[in-house]
Structures are given as C-alpha cells and as structure tokens.
Amino acid sequence: MTTKTSSEIIRDGLWNNNPALVQVLGLCPLLAVTSTVVNAIGLGLATLMVLMGSNLAVSLIRNFVGESVRLPAFVMIIASFVTCAELLMQAFTYELYQILGIFIPLIVTNCAILGRADAFASKTTPGPALLDGVMMGLGFLAVLVVLGGMRELIGQGTLFIDMNLLLGPMAADWVIRPFESYPDVLFMVLPPGAFVGLGLLIALKNGIDNHLEKRRKATETAPAASGSKRVRVTGNVS
C-alpha cells in the first residue's frame, strides 16, 4: 500500500476520512447514546482506547498471522481491548457504564475498528498504525461530542449535565443552562433526532469541503489569468 505521511494520517482521521462523517461506520452506538455530552465522551473514549490498542497490536503481529485466520485474530484482539475498557469503566465510572449498557461490549462489532485493523494497521508499521488509531478515534470522538452537545442543548436546554458520572464530584456543577424556562424538545433526545443531527453534520462537512474546493480552483486559475499580458503591435495593417 502507498505509505502515508503523518500529516495525511492526521487529516484523514480528523476530517478527510472521518469514520462517522465520511466512512459512515459505527453509527449504531453513535446514534444511540449521544443524547448527552457525557454519554458521548464515555463511549468515544472507550472507542479511542480500543482503536489505539487494536491497531498497535494488529500491526505488531501482522507478519505472524496467516491469511486464513487473520480476521478471527483481529476480532479476538479487539474483543480483548473492549474487555479492558469494560473493566476500567466498571471500576471508575460504574454509573456511566450502566447508562451506556450494551453499547460498550458492542464496540467489538464496530466496523470502523475492524476496518482500520484490516485496511491499514495490518499493512503498516506500529508507529503509523498507532497514529491512525489515535486520529480515527479522535475524529469519531469529536463527532460524538458535537452531536451529543447539539442534541442535549436543543433537547433539554443544557450542556455538560451529569459530567460527574465521568469526572467525579468536581464536575457536578459544570452544567450550563443558557436558556431560562426552556421547553424541552423531546424529538432531539429520541432516535429520530439523532438521525437528523448526524445528517446536518454530514451536510455541513460536505458544504465546507465544496467551498474549500471552489476556493482552491479559484486560486489555481487566478495566476494563469494574471500571467497573460497584452502585446502592443505597431505598423500598418493592410
């Protein structure tokens, strides 16, 4: 495969090949748990940890695993890191773990994680594989947080409610209420609101990409137009 530079890996993970907005993978947990920011951060951090660990492990064993058992081996590696994430959440954020419920163990079936392991980590060295896991995880986490913040703000009129479930008592007073006597918009908290919110985010990204592409083409044609000069011709024309 073509070797990617670090900057290309970073851009792909955060924007150009974002797992949620471009690859459109892992949407089941993304749409299900993003009713609040704290839920989104909890799932996003667990997914980030699994992506980092699985990418690194897959890259380390890439030359020792046969083609016939490659995918089962990758799934076992991912399942091991998901188990570690589950145990950590049970130990330190048990209430949040209970809220997220089945969607933590379902990280094993997240196509974005298995896809990165098979398409990238298994074909490159540990350094780029780990960086790819970090950037893809951060890109997925960013979409989760933005969608969770949008749904929480529009649906409940709050931001960062129940952050103490993740960060402990020090975050109990972090809740922001921008509006007084806000009428809850139940639609945004329910699953249909998640689909609408994600659709808006995808449309926004596509709009930004189209705008940047137009600007790039304009800057490329501008020097060519400015480089042409009028030539003065003297003499008689018969």
Protein backbone atom coordinates (compact mmCIF):
# COMPACT_ATOMS: atom_id res chain seq x y z
CA MET A 1 0.00 0.00 0.00
CA THR A 2 1.08 3.58 -0.52
CA THR A 3 2.87 4.94 2.54
CA LYS A 4 1.04 7.83 4.15
CA THR A 5 2.77 10.70 5.87
CA SER A 6 1.89 11.64 9.44
CA SER A 7 0.08 14.78 8.28
CA GLU A 8 -2.03 12.73 5.84
CA ILE A 9 -2.95 10.27 8.58
CA ILE A 10 -3.96 13.13 10.88
CA ARG A 11 -6.07 14.85 8.21
CA ASP A 12 -7.73 11.57 7.22
CA GLY A 13 -8.68 10.70 10.79
CA LEU A 14 -9.98 14.10 11.79
CA TRP A 15 -11.57 15.23 8.52
CA ASN A 16 -10.93 13.72 5.09
CA ASN A 17 -11.77 10.12 6.04
CA ASN A 18 -13.60 10.63 9.32
CA PRO A 19 -15.16 7.29 10.36
CA ALA A 20 -18.55 8.84 11.18
CA LEU A 21 -18.91 11.60 8.57
CA VAL A 22 -17.15 10.03 5.56
CA GLN A 23 -16.90 6.27 6.09
CA VAL A 24 -20.30 6.37 7.86
CA LEU A 25 -19.31 3.45 10.10
CA GLY A 26 -20.15 2.72 13.73
CA LEU A 27 -23.44 4.58 13.50
CA CYS A 28 -25.41 2.28 15.81
CA PRO A 29 -23.70 3.37 19.07
CA LEU A 30 -23.15 6.87 17.71
CA LEU A 31 -26.86 7.46 17.21
CA ALA A 32 -27.99 5.53 20.28
CA VAL A 33 -26.00 7.11 23.13
CA THR A 34 -25.45 10.72 22.04
CA SER A 35 -28.41 12.17 23.93
CA THR A 36 -25.95 13.96 26.25
CA VAL A 37 -22.33 15.07 26.09
CA VAL A 38 -21.21 12.84 28.96
CA ASN A 39 -22.59 9.73 27.25
CA ALA A 40 -20.83 10.72 24.02
CA ILE A 41 -17.50 11.30 25.77
CA GLY A 42 -17.74 7.99 27.64
CA LEU A 43 -18.37 5.95 24.50
CA GLY A 44 -15.88 8.00 22.48
CA LEU A 45 -13.04 7.46 24.97
CA ALA A 46 -13.74 3.73 25.13
CA THR A 47 -13.71 3.52 21.32
CA LEU A 48 -10.50 5.57 21.17
CA MET A 49 -8.77 3.23 23.61
CA VAL A 50 -9.84 0.15 21.63
CA LEU A 51 -8.77 1.68 18.31
CA MET A 52 -5.33 2.60 19.63
CA GLY A 53 -4.71 -0.78 21.25
CA SER A 54 -6.08 -2.92 18.42
CA ASN A 55 -4.24 -1.00 15.69
CA LEU A 56 -0.95 -1.31 17.54
CA ALA A 57 -1.42 -5.00 18.34
CA VAL A 58 -2.52 -5.88 14.80
CA SER A 59 0.50 -4.09 13.35
CA LEU A 60 2.86 -5.96 15.70
CA ILE A 61 1.55 -9.40 14.70
CA ARG A 62 0.94 -8.65 11.02
CA ASN A 63 3.83 -10.84 9.83
CA PHE A 64 2.95 -13.80 12.06
CA VAL A 65 -0.73 -14.33 11.24
CA GLY A 66 -1.80 -16.37 8.25
CA GLU A 67 -4.37 -15.19 5.75
CA SER A 68 -6.91 -17.84 6.79
CA VAL A 69 -7.04 -16.75 10.46
CA ARG A 70 -6.39 -13.03 10.01
CA LEU A 71 -9.90 -11.71 10.63
CA PRO A 72 -10.65 -14.04 13.60
CA ALA A 73 -7.36 -12.96 15.16
CA PHE A 74 -8.24 -9.30 14.67
CA VAL A 75 -11.64 -9.81 16.29
CA MET A 76 -10.04 -11.55 19.28
CA ILE A 77 -7.62 -8.65 19.70
CA ILE A 78 -10.43 -6.09 19.52
CA ALA A 79 -12.54 -8.12 21.97
CA SER A 80 -9.63 -8.19 24.44
CA PHE A 81 -9.29 -4.42 24.41
CA VAL A 82 -13.05 -3.97 24.69
CA THR A 83 -12.99 -6.18 27.78
CA CYS A 84 -10.24 -3.99 29.24
CA ALA A 85 -12.33 -0.88 28.53
CA GLU A 86 -15.37 -2.50 30.18
CA LEU A 87 -13.41 -3.40 33.32
CA LEU A 88 -11.96 0.11 33.58
CA MET A 89 -15.40 1.69 33.25
CA GLN A 90 -16.86 -0.70 35.81
CA ALA A 91 -14.06 0.21 38.22
CA PHE A 92 -14.03 4.01 37.81
CA THR A 93 -17.30 5.12 36.12
CA TYR A 94 -19.77 2.41 37.03
CA GLU A 95 -22.93 4.55 36.77
CA LEU A 96 -21.93 5.76 33.30
CA TYR A 97 -21.15 2.17 32.33
CA GLN A 98 -24.66 1.17 33.34
CA ILE A 99 -26.17 4.00 31.28
CA LEU A 100 -24.19 3.06 28.16
CA GLY A 101 -25.14 -0.57 28.74
CA ILE A 102 -24.82 -2.96 25.81
CA PHE A 103 -23.12 -0.39 23.58
CA ILE A 104 -19.76 -0.83 25.33
CA PRO A 105 -19.43 -4.57 24.53
CA LEU A 106 -20.86 -3.86 21.06
CA ILE A 107 -17.66 -1.93 20.28
CA VAL A 108 -16.33 -5.36 19.26
CA THR A 109 -18.63 -5.27 16.23
CA ASN A 110 -17.84 -1.66 15.30
CA CYS A 111 -16.98 -1.79 11.60
CA ALA A 112 -14.75 1.27 11.90
CA ILE A 113 -12.36 -0.55 14.27
CA LEU A 114 -12.20 -3.80 12.32
CA GLY A 115 -11.93 -1.82 9.08
CA ARG A 116 -8.89 0.14 10.27
CA ALA A 117 -7.25 -3.04 11.57
CA ASP A 118 -7.70 -4.83 8.25
CA ALA A 119 -7.23 -1.96 5.80
CA PHE A 120 -4.39 -0.06 7.47
CA ALA A 121 -2.84 -1.49 10.65
CA SER A 122 -2.23 -4.95 9.15
CA LYS A 123 -0.25 -3.40 6.29
CA THR A 124 1.99 -0.89 8.03
CA THR A 125 4.47 -0.49 10.88
CA PRO A 126 3.43 0.10 14.52
CA GLY A 127 4.11 3.86 14.53
CA PRO A 128 1.76 4.87 11.72
CA ALA A 129 -0.78 2.24 12.86
CA LEU A 130 -0.91 3.74 16.35
CA LEU A 131 -1.17 7.28 14.96
CA ASP A 132 -4.00 6.16 12.69
CA GLY A 133 -5.82 4.65 15.67
CA VAL A 134 -5.42 7.85 17.67
CA MET A 135 -6.62 10.12 14.87
CA MET A 136 -9.54 7.92 13.82
CA GLY A 137 -10.56 7.63 17.45
CA LEU A 138 -10.33 11.37 17.99
CA GLY A 139 -12.31 12.01 14.82
CA PHE A 140 -15.04 9.63 15.99
CA LEU A 141 -14.98 11.17 19.48
CA ALA A 142 -15.31 14.69 18.06
CA VAL A 143 -18.42 13.76 16.07
CA LEU A 144 -19.91 12.05 19.13
CA VAL A 145 -19.33 15.11 21.32
CA VAL A 146 -20.65 17.61 18.76
CA LEU A 147 -23.75 15.51 18.10
CA GLY A 148 -24.27 14.90 21.82
CA GLY A 149 -23.91 18.60 22.58
CA MET A 150 -26.36 19.52 19.82
CA ARG A 151 -28.98 17.03 20.98
CA GLU A 152 -28.57 17.90 24.65
CA LEU A 153 -28.75 21.65 24.06
CA ILE A 154 -31.75 21.55 21.74
CA GLY A 155 -33.49 18.70 23.50
CA GLN A 156 -33.01 19.69 27.15
CA GLY A 157 -31.61 23.21 27.09
CA THR A 158 -28.45 22.16 28.96
CA LEU A 159 -24.80 21.34 28.33
CA PHE A 160 -22.46 19.05 30.31
CA ILE A 161 -25.19 17.71 32.55
CA ASP A 162 -24.16 14.72 34.74
CA MET A 163 -20.46 15.18 33.96
CA ASN A 164 -19.81 13.91 37.49
CA LEU A 165 -20.58 10.43 36.16
CA LEU A 166 -17.31 10.62 34.22
CA LEU A 167 -15.11 13.04 36.16
CA GLY A 168 -16.40 12.66 39.69
CA PRO A 169 -17.77 15.20 42.21
CA MET A 170 -15.59 18.04 40.91
CA ALA A 171 -17.71 18.16 37.72
CA ALA A 172 -21.09 18.17 39.49
CA ASP A 173 -21.55 21.92 38.93
CA TRP A 174 -20.32 22.04 35.34
CA VAL A 175 -23.83 22.04 33.86
CA ILE A 176 -24.60 25.07 31.66
CA ARG A 177 -28.17 26.32 31.21
CA PRO A 178 -28.14 29.02 28.51
CA PHE A 179 -31.91 29.44 28.48
CA GLU A 180 -34.38 30.11 31.28
CA SER A 181 -37.63 28.15 31.30
CA TYR A 182 -36.57 26.20 28.22
CA PRO A 183 -39.31 23.99 26.75
CA ASP A 184 -37.75 20.57 26.18
CA VAL A 185 -37.71 19.41 22.56
CA LEU A 186 -38.26 15.69 23.02
CA PHE A 187 -37.72 14.98 19.32
CA MET A 188 -33.96 15.69 19.56
CA VAL A 189 -33.50 13.35 22.52
CA LEU A 190 -35.23 10.48 20.74
CA PRO A 191 -33.59 8.37 17.95
CA PRO A 192 -35.10 10.44 15.07
CA GLY A 193 -33.30 13.50 16.44
CA ALA A 194 -30.00 11.60 16.24
CA PHE A 195 -30.54 10.87 12.53
CA VAL A 196 -31.45 14.50 11.82
CA GLY A 197 -28.46 15.79 13.79
CA LEU A 198 -25.99 13.47 12.06
CA GLY A 199 -27.45 14.37 8.66
CA LEU A 200 -26.90 18.06 9.41
CA LEU A 201 -23.29 17.41 10.43
CA ILE A 202 -22.60 15.42 7.23
CA ALA A 203 -24.23 18.16 5.14
CA LEU A 204 -22.14 20.81 6.93
CA LYS A 205 -18.91 18.90 6.26
CA ASN A 206 -19.79 18.42 2.60
CA GLY A 207 -20.64 22.12 2.29
CA ILE A 208 -17.30 23.12 3.81
CA ASP A 209 -15.43 20.71 1.51
CA ASN A 210 -17.23 22.10 -1.57
CA HIS A 211 -16.45 25.67 -0.52
CA LEU A 212 -12.77 24.87 0.02
CA GLU A 213 -12.60 23.07 -3.34
CA LYS A 214 -14.06 26.10 -5.13
CA ARG A 215 -11.54 28.39 -3.42
CA ARG A 216 -8.69 26.05 -4.40
CA LYS A 217 -9.76 26.03 -8.04
CA ALA A 218 -10.12 29.82 -7.99
CA THR A 219 -6.59 30.28 -6.65
CA GLU A 220 -5.22 27.89 -9.28
CA THR A 221 -6.84 29.76 -12.19
CA ALA A 222 -6.00 33.25 -10.88
CA PRO A 223 -2.21 33.10 -11.57
CA ALA A 224 -2.82 31.83 -15.10
CA ALA A 225 -5.18 34.71 -15.83
CA SER A 226 -2.87 37.32 -14.33
CA GLY A 227 0.11 35.94 -16.26
CA SER A 228 -1.34 36.86 -19.67
CA LYS A 229 -0.22 40.27 -20.99
CA ARG A 230 -1.40 42.49 -23.84
CA VAL A 231 1.13 42.84 -26.64
CA ARG A 232 1.30 46.21 -28.43
CA VAL A 233 1.65 45.86 -32.15
CA THR A 234 2.93 48.76 -34.25
CA GLY A 235 2.92 49.15 -38.01
CA ASN A 236 0.48 49.30 -40.82
CA VAL A 237 -2.24 46.80 -41.27
CA SER A 238 -3.19 46.28 -44.92
